[in-house]
Amino acid sequence: MRVNTAESIETGIRVHARFGSWKAARNAADYVDGKFVVREGADGGADADGADLEAKPNSI
């Protein structure tokens, strides 16, 4: 069974807030080593803490 951690939930909230939809987040992301990776400049701006946002494919 897969359980969402507090960190993964927070990442999901930040990604969705930043892009407005999961489709937009997927379109802006690269797929690397089995994960969608959203780079900090993908939408023209940096994430609040400057970190790259990563999520498993079925999380976005």
Protein backbone atom coordinates (compact mmCIF):
# COMPACT_ATOMS: atom_id res chain seq x y z
CA MET A 1 0.00 0.00 0.00
CA ARG A 2 1.25 3.45 -0.87
CA VAL A 3 0.80 6.20 1.68
CA ASN A 4 1.20 9.91 0.96
CA THR A 5 3.69 11.60 3.25
CA ALA A 6 3.33 15.15 4.54
CA GLU A 7 6.16 16.13 2.20
CA SER A 8 4.50 14.62 -0.89
CA ILE A 9 1.17 16.25 -0.04
CA GLU A 10 2.87 19.64 0.38
CA THR A 11 4.69 19.17 -2.93
CA GLY A 12 1.39 18.36 -4.65
CA ILE A 13 -0.26 21.45 -3.20
CA ARG A 14 2.64 23.66 -4.35
CA VAL A 15 2.71 22.16 -7.86
CA HIS A 16 -1.05 22.50 -8.33
CA ALA A 17 -1.07 26.06 -6.98
CA ARG A 18 1.82 27.04 -9.22
CA PHE A 19 0.37 25.64 -12.48
CA GLY A 20 -3.37 25.71 -11.79
CA SER A 21 -3.95 22.15 -13.03
CA TRP A 22 -2.24 18.77 -13.09
CA LYS A 23 -2.29 18.82 -16.92
CA ALA A 24 -0.36 22.11 -17.01
CA ALA A 25 2.15 20.76 -14.47
CA ARG A 26 2.71 17.59 -16.53
CA ASN A 27 3.14 19.62 -19.70
CA ALA A 28 5.83 21.78 -18.03
CA ALA A 29 7.62 18.81 -16.45
CA ASP A 30 10.36 16.50 -17.68
CA TYR A 31 10.00 12.75 -17.09
CA VAL A 32 13.25 11.55 -15.49
CA ASP A 33 13.92 8.16 -13.86
CA GLY A 34 10.24 7.36 -13.42
CA LYS A 35 9.29 10.76 -12.00
CA PHE A 36 7.87 13.99 -13.35
CA VAL A 37 10.42 16.70 -12.50
CA VAL A 38 9.27 20.33 -12.53
CA ARG A 39 12.28 22.65 -12.75
CA GLU A 40 12.17 25.89 -10.80
CA GLY A 41 12.08 28.05 -13.93
CA ALA A 42 9.50 25.95 -15.79
CA ASP A 43 6.78 28.56 -15.49
CA GLY A 44 9.12 31.55 -15.71
CA GLY A 45 9.50 31.87 -11.94
CA ALA A 46 11.28 30.10 -9.12
CA ASP A 47 9.57 27.99 -6.49
CA ALA A 48 9.23 29.73 -3.12
CA ASP A 49 12.18 27.85 -1.60
CA GLY A 50 14.13 27.59 -4.85
CA ALA A 51 13.89 23.79 -4.93
CA ASP A 52 12.96 21.58 -7.86
CA LEU A 53 9.58 19.92 -7.36
CA GLU A 54 9.40 16.17 -7.95
CA ALA A 55 6.47 13.77 -7.83
CA LYS A 56 5.79 10.20 -8.85
CA PRO A 57 3.93 9.87 -12.20
CA ASN A 58 0.61 8.93 -10.64
CA SER A 59 0.82 11.83 -8.17
CA ILE A 60 0.36 14.52 -10.81
